[in-house]
PDB file of N, CA and C in Angstrom:
ATOM      1  N   MET A   1     -73.431  17.221 -57.837  1.00  0.00           N
ATOM      2  CA  MET A   1     -73.228  17.641 -56.375  1.00  0.00           C
ATOM      3  C   MET A   1     -71.851  17.273 -56.008  1.00  0.00           C
ATOM      4  N   ASP A   2     -71.121  18.158 -55.398  1.00  0.00           N
ATOM      5  CA  ASP A   2     -69.714  17.821 -54.831  1.00  0.00           C
ATOM      6  C   ASP A   2     -69.808  17.102 -53.610  1.00  0.00           C
ATOM      7  N   THR A   3     -68.934  16.306 -53.390  1.00  0.00           N
ATOM      8  CA  THR A   3     -68.716  15.452 -52.068  1.00  0.00           C
ATOM      9  C   THR A   3     -67.393  15.311 -51.681  1.00  0.00           C
ATOM     10  N   VAL A   4     -67.165  15.108 -50.414  1.00  0.00           N
ATOM     11  CA  VAL A   4     -65.943  14.830 -49.824  1.00  0.00           C
ATOM     12  C   VAL A   4     -65.804  13.347 -49.587  1.00  0.00           C
ATOM     13  N   SER A   5     -64.833  12.599 -49.747  1.00  0.00           N
ATOM     14  CA  SER A   5     -64.731  11.114 -49.503  1.00  0.00           C
ATOM     15  C   SER A   5     -64.062  11.052 -48.290  1.00  0.00           C
ATOM     16  N   LEU A   6     -64.506  10.169 -47.346  1.00  0.00           N
ATOM     17  CA  LEU A   6     -63.781   9.693 -46.280  1.00  0.00           C
ATOM     18  C   LEU A   6     -63.696   8.300 -46.214  1.00  0.00           C
ATOM     19  N   LEU A   7     -62.564   7.591 -46.058  1.00  0.00           N
ATOM     20  CA  LEU A   7     -62.425   6.184 -46.118  1.00  0.00           C
ATOM     21  C   LEU A   7     -62.344   5.723 -44.647  1.00  0.00           C
ATOM     22  N   LEU A   8     -63.024   4.799 -44.426  1.00  0.00           N
ATOM     23  CA  LEU A   8     -63.259   4.368 -42.888  1.00  0.00           C
ATOM     24  C   LEU A   8     -63.085   2.881 -42.882  1.00  0.00           C
ATOM     25  N   HIS A   9     -62.736   2.423 -41.612  1.00  0.00           N
ATOM     26  CA  HIS A   9     -62.586   0.939 -41.334  1.00  0.00           C
ATOM     27  C   HIS A   9     -63.510   0.766 -40.289  1.00  0.00           C
ATOM     28  N   ALA A  10     -64.335  -0.416 -40.338  1.00  0.00           N
ATOM     29  CA  ALA A  10     -65.328  -0.891 -39.246  1.00  0.00           C
ATOM     30  C   ALA A  10     -65.488  -2.195 -39.439  1.00  0.00           C
ATOM     31  N   PRO A  11     -65.651  -3.252 -38.240  1.00  0.00           N
ATOM     32  CA  PRO A  11     -65.794  -4.616 -38.385  1.00  0.00           C
ATOM     33  C   PRO A  11     -67.101  -4.667 -39.067  1.00  0.00           C
ATOM     34  N   ARG A  12     -67.159  -5.928 -39.780  1.00  0.00           N
ATOM     35  CA  ARG A  12     -68.440  -6.298 -40.620  1.00  0.00           C
ATOM     36  C   ARG A  12     -69.687  -6.054 -39.729  1.00  0.00           C
ATOM     37  N   GLN A  13     -69.595  -6.599 -38.444  1.00  0.00           N
ATOM     38  CA  GLN A  13     -70.811  -6.569 -37.655  1.00  0.00           C
ATOM     39  C   GLN A  13     -71.248  -5.168 -37.431  1.00  0.00           C
ATOM     40  N   ASN A  14     -70.468  -4.229 -37.424  1.00  0.00           N
ATOM     41  CA  ASN A  14     -70.975  -2.801 -37.126  1.00  0.00           C
ATOM     42  C   ASN A  14     -71.239  -1.995 -38.482  1.00  0.00           C
ATOM     43  N   ILE A  15     -71.252  -2.564 -39.741  1.00  0.00           N
ATOM     44  CA  ILE A  15     -71.501  -1.863 -40.918  1.00  0.00           C
ATOM     45  C   ILE A  15     -72.915  -1.450 -40.916  1.00  0.00           C
ATOM     46  N   VAL A  16     -73.690  -2.410 -40.689  1.00  0.00           N
ATOM     47  CA  VAL A  16     -75.218  -2.073 -40.746  1.00  0.00           C
ATOM     48  C   VAL A  16     -75.680  -1.015 -39.725  1.00  0.00           C
ATOM     49  N   LEU A  17     -75.292  -1.158 -38.563  1.00  0.00           N
ATOM     50  CA  LEU A  17     -75.467  -0.055 -37.407  1.00  0.00           C
ATOM     51  C   LEU A  17     -74.996   1.282 -37.956  1.00  0.00           C
ATOM     52  N   LEU A  18     -73.655   1.437 -38.349  1.00  0.00           N
ATOM     53  CA  LEU A  18     -73.167   2.589 -38.780  1.00  0.00           C
ATOM     54  C   LEU A  18     -73.870   3.174 -39.823  1.00  0.00           C
ATOM     55  N   CYS A  19     -74.266   2.290 -40.806  1.00  0.00           N
ATOM     56  CA  CYS A  19     -75.207   2.920 -41.921  1.00  0.00           C
ATOM     57  C   CYS A  19     -76.482   3.439 -41.452  1.00  0.00           C
ATOM     58  N   SER A  20     -77.151   2.750 -40.537  1.00  0.00           N
ATOM     59  CA  SER A  20     -78.308   3.349 -40.116  1.00  0.00           C
ATOM     60  C   SER A  20     -78.077   4.487 -39.286  1.00  0.00           C
ATOM     61  N   ILE A  21     -77.081   4.735 -38.541  1.00  0.00           N
ATOM     62  CA  ILE A  21     -76.879   6.110 -37.911  1.00  0.00           C
ATOM     63  C   ILE A  21     -76.548   7.077 -38.795  1.00  0.00           C
ATOM     64  N   ILE A  22     -75.771   6.823 -39.952  1.00  0.00           N
ATOM     65  CA  ILE A  22     -75.449   7.917 -40.872  1.00  0.00           C
ATOM     66  C   ILE A  22     -76.677   8.268 -41.675  1.00  0.00           C
ATOM     67  N   GLU A  23     -77.560   7.247 -42.053  1.00  0.00           N
ATOM     68  CA  GLU A  23     -78.840   7.736 -42.614  1.00  0.00           C
ATOM     69  C   GLU A  23     -79.660   8.519 -41.801  1.00  0.00           C
ATOM     70  N   GLY A  24     -79.616   8.438 -40.542  1.00  0.00           N
ATOM     71  CA  GLY A  24     -80.433   9.178 -39.516  1.00  0.00           C
ATOM     72  C   GLY A  24     -80.064  10.643 -39.754  1.00  0.00           C
ATOM     73  N   TYR A  25     -78.875  11.006 -40.242  1.00  0.00           N
ATOM     74  CA  TYR A  25     -78.535  12.511 -40.407  1.00  0.00           C
ATOM     75  C   TYR A  25     -78.777  12.764 -41.908  1.00  0.00           C
ATOM     76  N   GLU A  26     -79.956  12.807 -42.245  1.00  0.00           N
ATOM     77  CA  GLU A  26     -80.557  12.903 -43.571  1.00  0.00           C
ATOM     78  C   GLU A  26     -79.827  14.077 -44.456  1.00  0.00           C
ATOM     79  N   GLY A  27     -79.244  13.759 -45.663  1.00  0.00           N
ATOM     80  CA  GLY A  27     -78.652  14.803 -46.295  1.00  0.00           C
ATOM     81  C   GLY A  27     -77.039  14.999 -46.068  1.00  0.00           C
ATOM     82  N   MET A  28     -76.643  14.457 -44.962  1.00  0.00           N
ATOM     83  CA  MET A  28     -75.294  14.770 -44.540  1.00  0.00           C
ATOM     84  C   MET A  28     -74.331  13.872 -45.375  1.00  0.00           C
ATOM     85  N   ALA A  29     -74.654  12.598 -45.485  1.00  0.00           N
ATOM     86  CA  ALA A  29     -73.580  11.736 -46.166  1.00  0.00           C
ATOM     87  C   ALA A  29     -74.450  10.486 -46.657  1.00  0.00           C
ATOM     88  N   ILE A  30     -73.538   9.826 -47.542  1.00  0.00           N
ATOM     89  CA  ILE A  30     -74.076   8.545 -47.979  1.00  0.00           C
ATOM     90  C   ILE A  30     -72.960   7.466 -47.719  1.00  0.00           C
ATOM     91  N   LEU A  31     -73.221   6.395 -46.996  1.00  0.00           N
ATOM     92  CA  LEU A  31     -72.159   5.402 -46.791  1.00  0.00           C
ATOM     93  C   LEU A  31     -72.242   4.383 -47.692  1.00  0.00           C
ATOM     94  N   ARG A  32     -70.930   3.995 -48.288  1.00  0.00           N
ATOM     95  CA  ARG A  32     -70.830   2.996 -49.340  1.00  0.00           C
ATOM     96  C   ARG A  32     -69.860   1.901 -48.940  1.00  0.00           C
ATOM     97  N   THR A  33     -70.187   0.743 -49.066  1.00  0.00           N
ATOM     98  CA  THR A  33     -69.275  -0.408 -48.670  1.00  0.00           C
ATOM     99  C   THR A  33     -68.267  -0.707 -49.916  1.00  0.00           C
ATOM    100  N   VAL A  34     -66.925  -0.442 -49.570  1.00  0.00           N
ATOM    101  CA  VAL A  34     -65.891  -0.835 -50.541  1.00  0.00           C
ATOM    102  C   VAL A  34     -65.491  -2.159 -50.530  1.00  0.00           C
ATOM    103  N   ASN A  35     -65.398  -2.804 -49.243  1.00  0.00           N
ATOM    104  CA  ASN A  35     -65.026  -4.093 -49.156  1.00  0.00           C
ATOM    105  C   ASN A  35     -65.451  -4.659 -47.876  1.00  0.00           C
ATOM    106  N   ALA A  36     -66.584  -5.182 -47.916  1.00  0.00           N
ATOM    107  CA  ALA A  36     -67.087  -5.763 -46.496  1.00  0.00           C
ATOM    108  C   ALA A  36     -66.252  -6.843 -45.946  1.00  0.00           C
ATOM    109  N   ALA A  37     -65.600  -7.480 -46.563  1.00  0.00           N
ATOM    110  CA  ALA A  37     -64.827  -8.599 -45.889  1.00  0.00           C
ATOM    111  C   ALA A  37     -63.676  -7.883 -45.050  1.00  0.00           C
ATOM    112  N   GLN A  38     -63.179  -6.776 -45.635  1.00  0.00           N
ATOM    113  CA  GLN A  38     -62.222  -6.038 -45.008  1.00  0.00           C
ATOM    114  C   GLN A  38     -62.683  -4.947 -44.097  1.00  0.00           C
ATOM    115  N   GLY A  39     -63.783  -4.611 -44.153  1.00  0.00           N
ATOM    116  CA  GLY A  39     -64.495  -3.681 -43.365  1.00  0.00           C
ATOM    117  C   GLY A  39     -64.278  -2.055 -43.867  1.00  0.00           C
ATOM    118  N   LEU A  40     -63.921  -2.006 -45.232  1.00  0.00           N
ATOM    119  CA  LEU A  40     -63.572  -0.753 -45.665  1.00  0.00           C
ATOM    120  C   LEU A  40     -64.817  -0.108 -46.375  1.00  0.00           C
ATOM    121  N   LEU A  41     -64.996   1.050 -45.850  1.00  0.00           N
ATOM    122  CA  LEU A  41     -66.263   1.883 -46.296  1.00  0.00           C
ATOM    123  C   LEU A  41     -65.791   3.230 -46.790  1.00  0.00           C
ATOM    124  N   GLU A  42     -66.694   3.937 -47.597  1.00  0.00           N
ATOM    125  CA  GLU A  42     -66.436   5.177 -48.108  1.00  0.00           C
ATOM    126  C   GLU A  42     -67.652   6.018 -47.658  1.00  0.00           C
ATOM    127  N   LEU A  43     -67.287   7.073 -46.912  1.00  0.00           N
ATOM    128  CA  LEU A  43     -68.375   8.037 -46.628  1.00  0.00           C
ATOM    129  C   LEU A  43     -68.356   9.218 -47.505  1.00  0.00           C
ATOM    130  N   LEU A  44     -69.470   9.460 -48.417  1.00  0.00           N
ATOM    131  CA  LEU A  44     -69.675  10.503 -49.363  1.00  0.00           C
ATOM    132  C   LEU A  44     -70.268  11.564 -48.640  1.00  0.00           C
ATOM    133  N   VAL A  45     -69.639  12.730 -48.326  1.00  0.00           N
ATOM    134  CA  VAL A  45     -70.079  13.735 -47.390  1.00  0.00           C
ATOM    135  C   VAL A  45     -70.342  15.034 -48.165  1.00  0.00           C
ATOM    136  N   ALA A  46     -71.504  15.724 -48.049  1.00  0.00           N
ATOM    137  CA  ALA A  46     -71.465  16.959 -48.493  1.00  0.00           C
ATOM    138  C   ALA A  46     -70.489  17.990 -47.956  1.00  0.00           C
ATOM    139  N   PRO A  47     -69.780  18.688 -48.621  1.00  0.00           N
ATOM    140  CA  PRO A  47     -68.851  19.603 -48.205  1.00  0.00           C
ATOM    141  C   PRO A  47     -69.101  20.400 -46.923  1.00  0.00           C
ATOM    142  N   ALA A  48     -70.289  20.944 -46.813  1.00  0.00           N
ATOM    143  CA  ALA A  48     -70.621  21.792 -45.912  1.00  0.00           C
ATOM    144  C   ALA A  48     -70.826  20.894 -44.492  1.00  0.00           C
ATOM    145  N   PHE A  49     -71.057  19.530 -44.563  1.00  0.00           N
ATOM    146  CA  PHE A  49     -71.112  18.660 -43.502  1.00  0.00           C
ATOM    147  C   PHE A  49     -69.716  18.038 -43.024  1.00  0.00           C
ATOM    148  N   ARG A  50     -68.690  18.286 -43.680  1.00  0.00           N
ATOM    149  CA  ARG A  50     -67.376  17.529 -43.507  1.00  0.00           C
ATOM    150  C   ARG A  50     -67.033  17.420 -41.832  1.00  0.00           C
ATOM    151  N   ASP A  51     -66.850  18.726 -41.398  1.00  0.00           N
ATOM    152  CA  ASP A  51     -66.653  18.846 -40.138  1.00  0.00           C
ATOM    153  C   ASP A  51     -67.519  18.089 -39.038  1.00  0.00           C
ATOM    154  N   THR A  52     -68.920  18.258 -39.480  1.00  0.00           N
ATOM    155  CA  THR A  52     -69.886  17.517 -38.628  1.00  0.00           C
ATOM    156  C   THR A  52     -69.844  16.019 -38.758  1.00  0.00           C
ATOM    157  N   ALA A  53     -69.440  15.644 -39.945  1.00  0.00           N
ATOM    158  CA  ALA A  53     -69.239  14.007 -40.080  1.00  0.00           C
ATOM    159  C   ALA A  53     -68.183  13.559 -39.323  1.00  0.00           C
ATOM    160  N   LEU A  54     -66.770  14.368 -39.384  1.00  0.00           N
ATOM    161  CA  LEU A  54     -65.849  13.972 -38.649  1.00  0.00           C
ATOM    162  C   LEU A  54     -65.951  13.840 -37.216  1.00  0.00           C
ATOM    163  N   SER A  55     -66.868  14.883 -36.806  1.00  0.00           N
ATOM    164  CA  SER A  55     -67.134  14.855 -35.338  1.00  0.00           C
ATOM    165  C   SER A  55     -67.803  13.669 -34.913  1.00  0.00           C
ATOM    166  N   LEU A  56     -68.875  13.446 -35.643  1.00  0.00           N
ATOM    167  CA  LEU A  56     -69.665  12.320 -35.386  1.00  0.00           C
ATOM    168  C   LEU A  56     -68.823  11.012 -35.436  1.00  0.00           C
ATOM    169  N   LEU A  57     -67.985  10.837 -36.367  1.00  0.00           N
ATOM    170  CA  LEU A  57     -67.144   9.663 -36.362  1.00  0.00           C
ATOM    171  C   LEU A  57     -66.175   9.566 -35.084  1.00  0.00           C
ATOM    172  N   ARG A  58     -65.840  10.744 -34.750  1.00  0.00           N
ATOM    173  CA  ARG A  58     -65.054  10.667 -33.501  1.00  0.00           C
ATOM    174  C   ARG A  58     -65.676  10.110 -32.152  1.00  0.00           C
ATOM    175  N   VAL A  59     -67.047  10.654 -32.211  1.00  0.00           N
ATOM    176  CA  VAL A  59     -67.813  10.234 -31.106  1.00  0.00           C
ATOM    177  C   VAL A  59     -68.201   8.707 -31.168  1.00  0.00           C
ATOM    178  N   LEU A  60     -68.589   8.300 -32.513  1.00  0.00           N
ATOM    179  CA  LEU A  60     -68.824   6.797 -32.582  1.00  0.00           C
ATOM    180  C   LEU A  60     -67.545   6.088 -32.297  1.00  0.00           C
ATOM    181  N   ALA A  61     -66.358   6.442 -32.647  1.00  0.00           N
ATOM    182  CA  ALA A  61     -65.161   5.613 -32.320  1.00  0.00           C
ATOM    183  C   ALA A  61     -65.181   5.238 -30.825  1.00  0.00           C
ATOM    184  N   HIS A  62     -65.746   6.089 -29.963  1.00  0.00           N
ATOM    185  CA  HIS A  62     -65.823   5.778 -28.491  1.00  0.00           C
ATOM    186  C   HIS A  62     -66.753   4.607 -28.196  1.00  0.00           C
ATOM    187  N   GLU A  63     -67.800   4.596 -28.987  1.00  0.00           N
ATOM    188  CA  GLU A  63     -68.956   3.437 -28.878  1.00  0.00           C
ATOM    189  C   GLU A  63     -68.830   2.381 -29.580  1.00  0.00           C
ATOM    190  N   MET A  64     -68.212   2.327 -30.788  1.00  0.00           N
ATOM    191  CA  MET A  64     -68.035   1.144 -31.642  1.00  0.00           C
ATOM    192  C   MET A  64     -66.581   1.329 -32.437  1.00  0.00           C
ATOM    193  N   ASP A  65     -66.253   0.149 -33.049  1.00  0.00           N
ATOM    194  CA  ASP A  65     -64.932   0.100 -33.515  1.00  0.00           C
ATOM    195  C   ASP A  65     -65.041   0.721 -35.029  1.00  0.00           C
ATOM    196  N   VAL A  66     -64.874   1.920 -35.191  1.00  0.00           N
ATOM    197  CA  VAL A  66     -64.965   2.606 -36.554  1.00  0.00           C
ATOM    198  C   VAL A  66     -63.912   3.667 -36.510  1.00  0.00           C
ATOM    199  N   HIS A  67     -62.829   3.713 -37.587  1.00  0.00           N
ATOM    200  CA  HIS A  67     -61.924   4.613 -37.711  1.00  0.00           C
ATOM    201  C   HIS A  67     -61.782   5.212 -39.108  1.00  0.00           C
ATOM    202  N   VAL A  68     -61.445   6.591 -39.082  1.00  0.00           N
ATOM    203  CA  VAL A  68     -61.186   7.152 -40.237  1.00  0.00           C
ATOM    204  C   VAL A  68     -59.671   6.860 -40.723  1.00  0.00           C
ATOM    205  N   ILE A  69     -59.630   6.315 -42.003  1.00  0.00           N
ATOM    206  CA  ILE A  69     -58.335   5.935 -42.542  1.00  0.00           C
ATOM    207  C   ILE A  69     -57.841   7.029 -43.391  1.00  0.00           C
ATOM    208  N   ASP A  70     -58.728   7.699 -44.036  1.00  0.00           N
ATOM    209  CA  ASP A  70     -58.181   8.875 -45.051  1.00  0.00           C
ATOM    210  C   ASP A  70     -59.310   9.814 -45.055  1.00  0.00           C
ATOM    211  N   ALA A  71     -58.881  11.052 -44.812  1.00  0.00           N
ATOM    212  CA  ALA A  71     -59.835  12.314 -44.896  1.00  0.00           C
ATOM    213  C   ALA A  71     -59.133  13.289 -45.673  1.00  0.00           C
ATOM    214  N   ASN A  72     -58.402  13.090 -46.788  1.00  0.00           N
ATOM    215  CA  ASN A  72     -57.673  14.062 -47.359  1.00  0.00           C
ATOM    216  C   ASN A  72     -58.448  15.166 -48.068  1.00  0.00           C
ATOM    217  N   GLN A  73     -59.560  14.982 -48.350  1.00  0.00           N
ATOM    218  CA  GLN A  73     -60.301  16.085 -49.071  1.00  0.00           C
ATOM    219  C   GLN A  73     -61.022  16.926 -48.204  1.00  0.00           C
TER     220      GLN A  73
END
């Protein structure tokens, strides 16, 4: 399966909540912790859901401290 990789930053205390929210959008993406101490996460997104995932992250940025660092693909 092809995926688009989005690199994110979120404080450690928000990682579990963010993971639960992403899991609620079944089939859209998988959240992987790259470095918990630094709050680095990788969101592996199905290409068809890239724009949806970015929109969700923009909304979440207003509610919790989560930021897209790299969305090159």
